[in-house]
C-alpha atoms as a PDB file:
ATOM      1  CA  MET A   1     134.698 122.888 138.811  1.00  0.00           C
ATOM      2  CA  ASN A   2     135.303 119.123 138.588  1.00  0.00           C
ATOM      3  CA  LYS A   3     135.914 117.338 135.279  1.00  0.00           C
ATOM      4  CA  SER A   4     132.405 115.899 134.816  1.00  0.00           C
ATOM      5  CA  LEU A   5     130.760 119.265 135.430  1.00  0.00           C
ATOM      6  CA  MET A   6     133.165 120.913 133.006  1.00  0.00           C
ATOM      7  CA  LEU A   7     132.311 118.339 130.302  1.00  0.00           C
ATOM      8  CA  MET A   8     128.588 118.881 130.896  1.00  0.00           C
ATOM      9  CA  PHE A   9     129.061 122.652 130.633  1.00  0.00           C
ATOM     10  CA  LEU A  10     131.078 122.386 127.403  1.00  0.00           C
ATOM     11  CA  SER A  11     128.511 119.988 125.947  1.00  0.00           C
ATOM     12  CA  PHE A  12     125.715 122.426 126.813  1.00  0.00           C
ATOM     13  CA  ILE A  13     127.544 125.305 125.106  1.00  0.00           C
ATOM     14  CA  PHE A  14     128.374 123.210 122.019  1.00  0.00           C
ATOM     15  CA  ASN A  15     124.831 121.909 121.523  1.00  0.00           C
ATOM     16  CA  ASN A  16     123.360 125.378 122.006  1.00  0.00           C
ATOM     17  CA  ASN A  17     125.683 126.717 119.303  1.00  0.00           C
ATOM     18  CA  LEU A  18     124.812 123.732 117.096  1.00  0.00           C
ATOM     19  CA  SER A  19     121.114 124.617 117.308  1.00  0.00           C
ATOM     20  CA  ALA A  20     121.445 128.403 117.110  1.00  0.00           C
ATOM     21  CA  ASP A  21     120.758 128.695 113.366  1.00  0.00           C
ATOM     22  CA  LEU A  22     117.872 126.226 113.232  1.00  0.00           C
ATOM     23  CA  ALA A  23     114.389 127.499 112.398  1.00  0.00           C
ATOM     24  CA  THR A  24     113.013 125.477 115.316  1.00  0.00           C
ATOM     25  CA  GLY A  25     114.057 122.654 117.618  1.00  0.00           C
ATOM     26  CA  LYS A  26     117.466 121.616 118.852  1.00  0.00           C
ATOM     27  CA  LEU A  27     120.301 119.260 117.934  1.00  0.00           C
ATOM     28  CA  GLU A  28     122.624 117.030 119.925  1.00  0.00           C
ATOM     29  CA  GLU A  29     125.739 115.511 118.370  1.00  0.00           C
ATOM     30  CA  PHE A  30     127.345 112.152 119.134  1.00  0.00           C
ATOM     31  CA  PHE A  31     129.902 109.803 117.631  1.00  0.00           C
ATOM     32  CA  ILE A  32     129.316 106.055 117.386  1.00  0.00           C
ATOM     33  CA  ASP A  33     132.005 103.480 116.673  1.00  0.00           C
ATOM     34  CA  ASN A  34     131.724 102.396 113.052  1.00  0.00           C
ATOM     35  CA  GLY A  35     134.725 100.095 113.004  1.00  0.00           C
ATOM     36  CA  LYS A  36     137.362 102.029 111.074  1.00  0.00           C
ATOM     37  CA  TYR A  37     136.173 105.432 112.307  1.00  0.00           C
ATOM     38  CA  ASP A  38     133.549 107.052 114.502  1.00  0.00           C
ATOM     39  CA  ARG A  39     130.306 107.870 112.700  1.00  0.00           C
ATOM     40  CA  LYS A  40     128.706 111.228 113.426  1.00  0.00           C
ATOM     41  CA  VAL A  41     125.074 110.995 114.567  1.00  0.00           C
ATOM     42  CA  ARG A  42     122.886 113.989 115.318  1.00  0.00           C
ATOM     43  CA  ILE A  43     119.620 113.772 117.230  1.00  0.00           C
ATOM     44  CA  TYR A  44     117.063 116.429 116.362  1.00  0.00           C
ATOM     45  CA  TYR A  45     114.206 117.375 118.671  1.00  0.00           C
ATOM     46  CA  PRO A  46     111.592 119.414 116.755  1.00  0.00           C
ATOM     47  CA  SER A  47     109.584 120.114 119.923  1.00  0.00           C
ATOM     48  CA  ASN A  48     109.834 120.030 123.691  1.00  0.00           C
ATOM     49  CA  ASN A  49     107.434 117.104 124.015  1.00  0.00           C
ATOM     50  CA  PRO A  50     108.431 114.470 126.560  1.00  0.00           C
ATOM     51  CA  ILE A  51     110.060 111.475 124.887  1.00  0.00           C
ATOM     52  CA  ASN A  52     108.353 108.170 125.643  1.00  0.00           C
ATOM     53  CA  GLU A  53     107.032 105.002 123.987  1.00  0.00           C
ATOM     54  CA  GLN A  54     104.563 107.115 121.976  1.00  0.00           C
ATOM     55  CA  THR A  55     107.376 109.117 120.367  1.00  0.00           C
ATOM     56  CA  THR A  56     108.161 108.148 116.771  1.00  0.00           C
ATOM     57  CA  PHE A  57     111.876 107.838 116.051  1.00  0.00           C
ATOM     58  CA  ILE A  58     113.006 108.229 112.447  1.00  0.00           C
ATOM     59  CA  ILE A  59     116.526 107.279 111.440  1.00  0.00           C
ATOM     60  CA  MET A  60     117.481 109.376 108.418  1.00  0.00           C
ATOM     61  CA  ASN A  61     120.401 108.527 106.147  1.00  0.00           C
ATOM     62  CA  ASP A  62     122.909 111.082 104.833  1.00  0.00           C
ATOM     63  CA  GLY A  63     122.500 113.153 107.982  1.00  0.00           C
ATOM     64  CA  GLU A  64     124.944 115.817 106.805  1.00  0.00           C
ATOM     65  CA  GLU A  65     122.359 117.008 104.249  1.00  0.00           C
ATOM     66  CA  LEU A  66     119.386 117.366 106.586  1.00  0.00           C
ATOM     67  CA  PHE A  67     119.882 120.629 108.483  1.00  0.00           C
ATOM     68  CA  LEU A  68     122.235 123.557 107.907  1.00  0.00           C
ATOM     69  CA  GLU A  69     123.720 124.098 104.457  1.00  0.00           C
ATOM     70  CA  GLN A  70     127.219 124.634 105.835  1.00  0.00           C
ATOM     71  CA  ASP A  71     127.228 121.076 107.195  1.00  0.00           C
ATOM     72  CA  SER A  72     126.607 119.508 103.808  1.00  0.00           C
ATOM     73  CA  TRP A  73     129.341 118.345 101.461  1.00  0.00           C
ATOM     74  CA  ASN A  74     127.718 120.268  98.574  1.00  0.00           C
ATOM     75  CA  GLY A  75     126.305 123.296 100.403  1.00  0.00           C
ATOM     76  CA  LYS A  76     122.697 122.112  99.938  1.00  0.00           C
ATOM     77  CA  SER A  77     120.292 120.852 102.551  1.00  0.00           C
ATOM     78  CA  TRP A  78     116.807 119.458 103.180  1.00  0.00           C
ATOM     79  CA  ARG A  79     116.349 121.949 106.044  1.00  0.00           C
ATOM     80  CA  VAL A  80     114.163 119.501 107.974  1.00  0.00           C
ATOM     81  CA  ASP A  81     113.998 122.084 110.753  1.00  0.00           C
ATOM     82  CA  LYS A  82     112.204 124.517 108.430  1.00  0.00           C
ATOM     83  CA  SER A  83     109.645 121.840 107.561  1.00  0.00           C
ATOM     84  CA  PHE A  84     108.862 121.348 111.244  1.00  0.00           C
ATOM     85  CA  ASP A  85     108.720 125.107 111.725  1.00  0.00           C
ATOM     86  CA  GLU A  86     106.071 125.355 108.993  1.00  0.00           C
ATOM     87  CA  LEU A  87     104.108 122.542 110.628  1.00  0.00           C
ATOM     88  CA  ASN A  88     104.287 124.331 113.977  1.00  0.00           C
ATOM     89  CA  LYS A  89     102.905 127.504 112.392  1.00  0.00           C
ATOM     90  CA  LYS A  90      99.900 125.457 111.231  1.00  0.00           C
ATOM     91  CA  ASP A  91      99.494 124.006 114.747  1.00  0.00           C
ATOM     92  CA  ILE A  92     100.462 120.560 113.433  1.00  0.00           C
ATOM     93  CA  GLU A  93     102.746 118.946 115.965  1.00  0.00           C
ATOM     94  CA  HIS A  94     104.534 115.648 115.418  1.00  0.00           C
ATOM     95  CA  ASN A  95     105.732 113.680 118.431  1.00  0.00           C
ATOM     96  CA  THR A  96     108.893 112.817 116.550  1.00  0.00           C
ATOM     97  CA  VAL A  97     112.650 112.540 117.032  1.00  0.00           C
ATOM     98  CA  ILE A  98     114.965 112.557 114.014  1.00  0.00           C
ATOM     99  CA  VAL A  99     118.190 110.558 114.208  1.00  0.00           C
ATOM    100  CA  ALA A 100     120.481 111.862 111.445  1.00  0.00           C
ATOM    101  CA  VAL A 101     123.246 109.357 110.640  1.00  0.00           C
ATOM    102  CA  HIS A 102     126.028 110.858 108.572  1.00  0.00           C
ATOM    103  CA  SER A 103     127.138 108.990 105.464  1.00  0.00           C
ATOM    104  CA  ALA A 104     130.512 107.630 104.431  1.00  0.00           C
ATOM    105  CA  LYS A 105     130.809 110.752 102.258  1.00  0.00           C
ATOM    106  CA  ARG A 106     132.899 112.862 104.642  1.00  0.00           C
ATOM    107  CA  PHE A 107     132.468 116.631 104.835  1.00  0.00           C
ATOM    108  CA  LYS A 108     134.175 118.139 101.766  1.00  0.00           C
ATOM    109  CA  GLY A 109     136.132 114.960 102.059  1.00  0.00           C
ATOM    110  CA  ARG A 110     138.428 112.611 100.334  1.00  0.00           C
ATOM    111  CA  PHE A 111     138.689 111.636  96.721  1.00  0.00           C
ATOM    112  CA  PHE A 112     136.645 108.438  96.769  1.00  0.00           C
ATOM    113  CA  ASP A 113     133.843 109.586  99.067  1.00  0.00           C
ATOM    114  CA  ASP A 114     131.209 109.243  96.323  1.00  0.00           C
ATOM    115  CA  THR A 115     132.098 105.633  95.601  1.00  0.00           C
ATOM    116  CA  ARG A 116     132.520 104.795  99.297  1.00  0.00           C
ATOM    117  CA  ARG A 117     128.976 105.985 100.022  1.00  0.00           C
ATOM    118  CA  TYR A 118     127.506 104.090  97.070  1.00  0.00           C
ATOM    119  CA  ILE A 119     128.924 100.720  98.003  1.00  0.00           C
ATOM    120  CA  GLU A 120     128.084 101.180 101.689  1.00  0.00           C
ATOM    121  CA  LEU A 121     124.407 101.901 100.997  1.00  0.00           C
ATOM    122  CA  PHE A 122     123.939  99.347  98.208  1.00  0.00           C
ATOM    123  CA  PRO A 123     121.789  96.406  99.447  1.00  0.00           C
ATOM    124  CA  LYS A 124     124.308  93.621  99.966  1.00  0.00           C
ATOM    125  CA  GLU A 125     121.599  90.971  99.760  1.00  0.00           C
ATOM    126  CA  ALA A 126     120.717  92.054  96.201  1.00  0.00           C
ATOM    127  CA  ILE A 127     124.156  90.924  94.998  1.00  0.00           C
ATOM    128  CA  ASN A 128     122.885  87.329  95.155  1.00  0.00           C
ATOM    129  CA  TYR A 129     120.395  88.197  92.384  1.00  0.00           C
ATOM    130  CA  PHE A 130     122.996  89.292  89.824  1.00  0.00           C
ATOM    131  CA  GLU A 131     123.756  86.873  87.013  1.00  0.00           C
ATOM    132  CA  LYS A 132     127.139  85.211  87.432  1.00  0.00           C
ATOM    133  CA  GLY A 133     129.914  87.264  85.920  1.00  0.00           C
ATOM    134  CA  GLN A 134     132.281  90.185  86.382  1.00  0.00           C
ATOM    135  CA  LYS A 135     129.616  92.562  87.709  1.00  0.00           C
ATOM    136  CA  LYS A 136     128.568  90.183  90.479  1.00  0.00           C
ATOM    137  CA  ASN A 137     132.203  89.533  91.327  1.00  0.00           C
ATOM    138  CA  LEU A 138     132.932  93.269  91.455  1.00  0.00           C
ATOM    139  CA  TYR A 139     130.013  94.028  93.795  1.00  0.00           C
ATOM    140  CA  SER A 140     130.932  91.067  95.983  1.00  0.00           C
ATOM    141  CA  SER A 141     134.574  92.155  96.219  1.00  0.00           C
ATOM    142  CA  LEU A 142     133.638  95.739  97.134  1.00  0.00           C
ATOM    143  CA  SER A 143     130.943  94.761  99.618  1.00  0.00           C
ATOM    144  CA  GLN A 144     131.689  95.919 103.145  1.00  0.00           C
ATOM    145  CA  ARG A 145     129.845  95.729 106.449  1.00  0.00           C
ATOM    146  CA  SER A 146     126.078  95.939 106.124  1.00  0.00           C
ATOM    147  CA  TYR A 147     124.872  99.485 106.815  1.00  0.00           C
ATOM    148  CA  PRO A 148     121.450  98.299 108.107  1.00  0.00           C
ATOM    149  CA  GLU A 149     123.338  95.982 110.461  1.00  0.00           C
ATOM    150  CA  PHE A 150     125.312  98.975 111.761  1.00  0.00           C
ATOM    151  CA  LEU A 151     122.042 100.797 112.473  1.00  0.00           C
ATOM    152  CA  VAL A 152     120.659  97.823 114.395  1.00  0.00           C
ATOM    153  CA  THR A 153     123.764  96.747 116.280  1.00  0.00           C
ATOM    154  CA  ALA A 154     125.320 100.151 117.044  1.00  0.00           C
ATOM    155  CA  VAL A 155     122.867 103.040 116.635  1.00  0.00           C
ATOM    156  CA  LEU A 156     119.769 101.404 118.146  1.00  0.00           C
ATOM    157  CA  PRO A 157     121.442 100.225 121.378  1.00  0.00           C
ATOM    158  CA  PHE A 158     122.849 103.733 121.810  1.00  0.00           C
ATOM    159  CA  LEU A 159     119.385 105.263 121.405  1.00  0.00           C
ATOM    160  CA  GLU A 160     117.661 102.758 123.662  1.00  0.00           C
ATOM    161  CA  ASP A 161     120.236 103.330 126.374  1.00  0.00           C
ATOM    162  CA  LYS A 162     120.060 107.111 126.040  1.00  0.00           C
ATOM    163  CA  PHE A 163     116.259 107.330 126.154  1.00  0.00           C
ATOM    164  CA  GLN A 164     115.618 104.266 128.311  1.00  0.00           C
ATOM    165  CA  LEU A 165     112.973 102.825 126.009  1.00  0.00           C
ATOM    166  CA  THR A 166     112.538 100.027 123.493  1.00  0.00           C
ATOM    167  CA  LEU A 167     112.571 100.806 119.779  1.00  0.00           C
ATOM    168  CA  ASP A 168     110.735  98.512 117.389  1.00  0.00           C
ATOM    169  CA  LYS A 169     108.347  98.585 114.439  1.00  0.00           C
ATOM    170  CA  ASP A 170     105.708 100.357 116.528  1.00  0.00           C
ATOM    171  CA  ASN A 171     107.797 103.488 117.074  1.00  0.00           C
ATOM    172  CA  LEU A 172     110.737 103.333 114.654  1.00  0.00           C
ATOM    173  CA  GLY A 173     111.186 103.981 110.944  1.00  0.00           C
ATOM    174  CA  VAL A 174     113.913 104.836 108.466  1.00  0.00           C
ATOM    175  CA  MET A 175     114.126 107.382 105.632  1.00  0.00           C
ATOM    176  CA  GLY A 176     116.544 108.489 102.972  1.00  0.00           C
ATOM    177  CA  SER A 177     116.964 109.815  99.452  1.00  0.00           C
ATOM    178  CA  SER A 178     118.720 108.369  96.417  1.00  0.00           C
ATOM    179  CA  MET A 179     121.009 105.572  97.668  1.00  0.00           C
ATOM    180  CA  GLY A 180     119.775 106.479 101.153  1.00  0.00           C
ATOM    181  CA  GLY A 181     116.230 105.713  99.986  1.00  0.00           C
ATOM    182  CA  LEU A 182     117.298 102.378  98.538  1.00  0.00           C
ATOM    183  CA  SER A 183     119.071 101.605 101.807  1.00  0.00           C
ATOM    184  CA  ALA A 184     115.918 102.509 103.756  1.00  0.00           C
ATOM    185  CA  LEU A 185     113.980  99.858 101.825  1.00  0.00           C
ATOM    186  CA  ASN A 186     116.824  97.386 102.324  1.00  0.00           C
ATOM    187  CA  THR A 187     116.787  98.121 106.068  1.00  0.00           C
ATOM    188  CA  ILE A 188     113.074  97.476 106.507  1.00  0.00           C
ATOM    189  CA  ILE A 189     113.293  94.258 104.472  1.00  0.00           C
ATOM    190  CA  GLU A 190     116.174  92.892 106.520  1.00  0.00           C
ATOM    191  CA  TYR A 191     114.779  94.028 109.887  1.00  0.00           C
ATOM    192  CA  PRO A 192     110.963  94.036 109.570  1.00  0.00           C
ATOM    193  CA  ASP A 193     110.443  93.417 113.301  1.00  0.00           C
ATOM    194  CA  ILE A 194     112.494  96.497 114.195  1.00  0.00           C
ATOM    195  CA  PHE A 195     111.461  99.082 111.575  1.00  0.00           C
ATOM    196  CA  GLY A 196     107.784  99.792 110.943  1.00  0.00           C
ATOM    197  CA  PHE A 197     108.044 102.111 107.953  1.00  0.00           C
ATOM    198  CA  ALA A 198     110.408 103.341 105.258  1.00  0.00           C
ATOM    199  CA  GLY A 199     110.546 106.638 103.382  1.00  0.00           C
ATOM    200  CA  CYS A 200     112.288 106.254 100.033  1.00  0.00           C
ATOM    201  CA  LEU A 201     112.677 109.576  98.212  1.00  0.00           C
ATOM    202  CA  SER A 202     114.136 109.489  94.700  1.00  0.00           C
ATOM    203  CA  THR A 203     115.147 105.876  95.225  1.00  0.00           C
ATOM    204  CA  HIS A 204     118.256 105.081  93.210  1.00  0.00           C
ATOM    205  CA  TRP A 205     116.938 101.922  91.551  1.00  0.00           C
ATOM    206  CA  VAL A 206     119.211 102.179  88.532  1.00  0.00           C
ATOM    207  CA  GLY A 207     122.589 101.522  90.130  1.00  0.00           C
ATOM    208  CA  ILE A 208     125.856 102.451  88.474  1.00  0.00           C
ATOM    209  CA  LYS A 209     127.714 100.753  85.657  1.00  0.00           C
ATOM    210  CA  PRO A 210     131.184  99.575  86.793  1.00  0.00           C
ATOM    211  CA  ILE A 211     132.907 102.199  84.626  1.00  0.00           C
ATOM    212  CA  GLU A 212     130.611 104.899  86.065  1.00  0.00           C
ATOM    213  CA  TYR A 213     131.476 103.690  89.564  1.00  0.00           C
ATOM    214  CA  LEU A 214     135.187 104.002  88.928  1.00  0.00           C
ATOM    215  CA  LEU A 215     134.858 107.408  87.257  1.00  0.00           C
ATOM    216  CA  LEU A 216     132.276 108.838  89.651  1.00  0.00           C
ATOM    217  CA  PRO A 217     134.785 110.991  91.606  1.00  0.00           C
ATOM    218  CA  PHE A 218     135.749 112.636  88.292  1.00  0.00           C
ATOM    219  CA  THR A 219     132.539 112.820  86.247  1.00  0.00           C
ATOM    220  CA  LYS A 220     129.757 112.964  88.886  1.00  0.00           C
ATOM    221  CA  LYS A 221     127.635 111.404  86.114  1.00  0.00           C
ATOM    222  CA  ILE A 222     125.345 108.366  86.312  1.00  0.00           C
ATOM    223  CA  ASP A 223     123.299 106.839  83.498  1.00  0.00           C
ATOM    224  CA  GLY A 224     122.334 103.724  85.413  1.00  0.00           C
ATOM    225  CA  ASP A 225     122.446 100.026  84.702  1.00  0.00           C
ATOM    226  CA  LYS A 226     119.465  97.779  83.871  1.00  0.00           C
ATOM    227  CA  GLU A 227     121.151  94.646  85.203  1.00  0.00           C
ATOM    228  CA  THR A 228     121.555  96.308  88.591  1.00  0.00           C
ATOM    229  CA  PHE A 229     117.886  97.305  88.698  1.00  0.00           C
ATOM    230  CA  ASP A 230     116.844  93.783  87.696  1.00  0.00           C
ATOM    231  CA  ALA A 231     118.836  92.363  90.618  1.00  0.00           C
ATOM    232  CA  ILE A 232     117.356  94.894  93.055  1.00  0.00           C
ATOM    233  CA  LYS A 233     113.830  94.199  91.761  1.00  0.00           C
ATOM    234  CA  LYS A 234     114.271  90.425  92.179  1.00  0.00           C
ATOM    235  CA  TYR A 235     115.527  91.000  95.722  1.00  0.00           C
ATOM    236  CA  VAL A 236     112.520  93.186  96.580  1.00  0.00           C
ATOM    237  CA  VAL A 237     110.011  90.754  95.034  1.00  0.00           C
ATOM    238  CA  ALA A 238     111.533  87.810  96.900  1.00  0.00           C
ATOM    239  CA  ASN A 239     111.042  89.626 100.208  1.00  0.00           C
ATOM    240  CA  LEU A 240     107.656  91.322  99.793  1.00  0.00           C
ATOM    241  CA  SER A 241     105.963  89.067 102.326  1.00  0.00           C
ATOM    242  CA  LYS A 242     108.267  90.392 105.068  1.00  0.00           C
ATOM    243  CA  ILE A 243     107.003  93.970 104.641  1.00  0.00           C
ATOM    244  CA  LYS A 244     103.377  93.293 103.724  1.00  0.00           C
ATOM    245  CA  ASN A 245     102.098  95.121 106.814  1.00  0.00           C
ATOM    246  CA  HIS A 246     104.631  97.944 106.755  1.00  0.00           C
ATOM    247  CA  ARG A 247     104.059 101.446 105.437  1.00  0.00           C
ATOM    248  CA  ILE A 248     106.340 102.569 102.593  1.00  0.00           C
ATOM    249  CA  TYR A 249     106.588 105.912 100.802  1.00  0.00           C
ATOM    250  CA  PHE A 250     108.142 106.399  97.347  1.00  0.00           C
ATOM    251  CA  ASP A 251     108.565 109.511  95.232  1.00  0.00           C
ATOM    252  CA  HIS A 252     110.746 111.012  92.535  1.00  0.00           C
ATOM    253  CA  GLY A 253     111.148 114.151  90.473  1.00  0.00           C
ATOM    254  CA  THR A 254     111.171 114.542  86.696  1.00  0.00           C
ATOM    255  CA  VAL A 255     114.425 116.427  86.059  1.00  0.00           C
ATOM    256  CA  GLY A 256     118.069 115.352  85.910  1.00  0.00           C
ATOM    257  CA  LEU A 257     118.957 111.998  87.463  1.00  0.00           C
ATOM    258  CA  ASP A 258     115.408 111.680  88.824  1.00  0.00           C
ATOM    259  CA  TYR A 259     114.155 111.313  85.243  1.00  0.00           C
ATOM    260  CA  LEU A 260     115.829 107.879  85.157  1.00  0.00           C
ATOM    261  CA  TYR A 261     113.680 106.683  88.058  1.00  0.00           C
ATOM    262  CA  ARG A 262     110.344 106.967  86.249  1.00  0.00           C
ATOM    263  CA  ASN A 263     110.241 103.527  84.604  1.00  0.00           C
ATOM    264  CA  PRO A 264     111.844 101.547  87.457  1.00  0.00           C
ATOM    265  CA  GLN A 265     109.541 103.182  89.993  1.00  0.00           C
ATOM    266  CA  ASN A 266     106.526 102.381  87.811  1.00  0.00           C
ATOM    267  CA  ASP A 267     107.654  98.732  87.771  1.00  0.00           C
ATOM    268  CA  ILE A 268     107.925  98.703  91.558  1.00  0.00           C
ATOM    269  CA  ASN A 269     104.555 100.448  91.924  1.00  0.00           C
ATOM    270  CA  LYS A 270     102.925  97.778  89.758  1.00  0.00           C
ATOM    271  CA  ILE A 271     104.484  94.987  91.812  1.00  0.00           C
ATOM    272  CA  PHE A 272     103.429  96.614  95.088  1.00  0.00           C
ATOM    273  CA  THR A 273      99.872  97.188  93.858  1.00  0.00           C
ATOM    274  CA  GLU A 274      99.474  93.622  92.575  1.00  0.00           C
ATOM    275  CA  ASN A 275     100.667  92.273  95.932  1.00  0.00           C
ATOM    276  CA  GLY A 276      98.427  94.482  98.075  1.00  0.00           C
ATOM    277  CA  MET A 277     101.273  96.364  99.738  1.00  0.00           C
ATOM    278  CA  THR A 278     100.691  99.398 101.967  1.00  0.00           C
ATOM    279  CA  PHE A 279     102.450 102.212 100.140  1.00  0.00           C
ATOM    280  CA  GLU A 280     102.181 105.661  98.624  1.00  0.00           C
ATOM    281  CA  THR A 281     103.965 106.876  95.521  1.00  0.00           C
ATOM    282  CA  LYS A 282     104.214 110.432  94.195  1.00  0.00           C
ATOM    283  CA  VAL A 283     105.762 112.230  91.222  1.00  0.00           C
ATOM    284  CA  PHE A 284     106.901 115.838  91.662  1.00  0.00           C
ATOM    285  CA  GLU A 285     107.055 117.688  88.360  1.00  0.00           C
ATOM    286  CA  GLY A 286     110.160 119.840  87.940  1.00  0.00           C
ATOM    287  CA  HIS A 287     111.964 118.397  90.964  1.00  0.00           C
ATOM    288  CA  ASP A 288     115.614 117.510  90.447  1.00  0.00           C
ATOM    289  CA  HIS A 289     117.939 115.111  92.258  1.00  0.00           C
ATOM    290  CA  ASP A 290     118.755 117.763  94.816  1.00  0.00           C
ATOM    291  CA  PRO A 291     118.636 118.083  98.628  1.00  0.00           C
ATOM    292  CA  ASN A 292     116.587 121.276  98.325  1.00  0.00           C
ATOM    293  CA  ASP A 293     113.876 119.370  96.446  1.00  0.00           C
ATOM    294  CA  PHE A 294     114.092 116.408  98.840  1.00  0.00           C
ATOM    295  CA  GLY A 295     113.410 118.862 101.643  1.00  0.00           C
ATOM    296  CA  LYS A 296     110.256 120.104  99.914  1.00  0.00           C
ATOM    297  CA  ARG A 297     108.993 116.528  99.950  1.00  0.00           C
ATOM    298  CA  PHE A 298     109.857 115.790 103.567  1.00  0.00           C
ATOM    299  CA  THR A 299     106.500 116.944 104.952  1.00  0.00           C
ATOM    300  CA  PRO A 300     104.291 114.844 102.633  1.00  0.00           C
ATOM    301  CA  SER A 301     106.450 111.793 103.291  1.00  0.00           C
ATOM    302  CA  LEU A 302     106.383 112.420 107.062  1.00  0.00           C
ATOM    303  CA  ASN A 303     102.607 112.912 107.083  1.00  0.00           C
ATOM    304  CA  TYR A 304     102.009 109.615 105.272  1.00  0.00           C
ATOM    305  CA  LEU A 305     104.494 107.543 107.237  1.00  0.00           C
ATOM    306  CA  THR A 306     103.454 108.730 110.688  1.00  0.00           C
ATOM    307  CA  LYS A 307      99.688 109.071 110.260  1.00  0.00           C
ATOM    308  CA  LYS A 308      97.663 107.052 112.746  1.00  0.00           C
END
């Protein structure tokens, strides 16, 4: 057996094993150059439908939390595959491909993974809306490469080459939870001609105080920071016209960290309503800031974002 055939055979075996424990569908795994290291990306096919220009591609942040619990850093998962399995049982079929991009939080990883993920997903453009001072300087000094830029310049070309089709706002969206939800909104604002919709579950509007940021690996506790939300809100308001015709989904729970999102989300809802934006917002009583609860809300968010 020559080398190329051997690699194809090994890839087939690996991907079959990767998908063996899924409720439905199959996964493929790839690595894309992210500068300092290769970023893991998994492509999930919930059905055997042919992939073409009518297929909706959804890039989902924090990909390690989306499928099997053993892949996640905290042993909890959305189990997106189970959501699609339930839809299949109801004869509801989505012509969809999920592109799960793993976060900077490595699997059961290093000490500063929590803080690394936060600063990567924080909207860099919102830093301009901080008042001058130490906080603005700190965010500016920590700011790294734009995550939405990585999606557009690295992930999208890979997908377009693999599937031999063009991805744009007519067939591409982005979703995430917590900081991943905030990043999804940031992505659609910065690239409105490329992404047509954004799913923002339990959007982390409230940021982190500098001391919380530094202590996050120890305490795992966040109380939020009004100045950070004010900067994010100003950034969103300044860019509303760019996403006027885009579909956006927001939600949050009422327990734990999600309790902090109630007032900021109400502010954003008011702004969106007054400006005639196309959006849906939901509150889920008893839901916590937890991948299991995010997974329960995947189907309603998917149904809204992909409805024709």
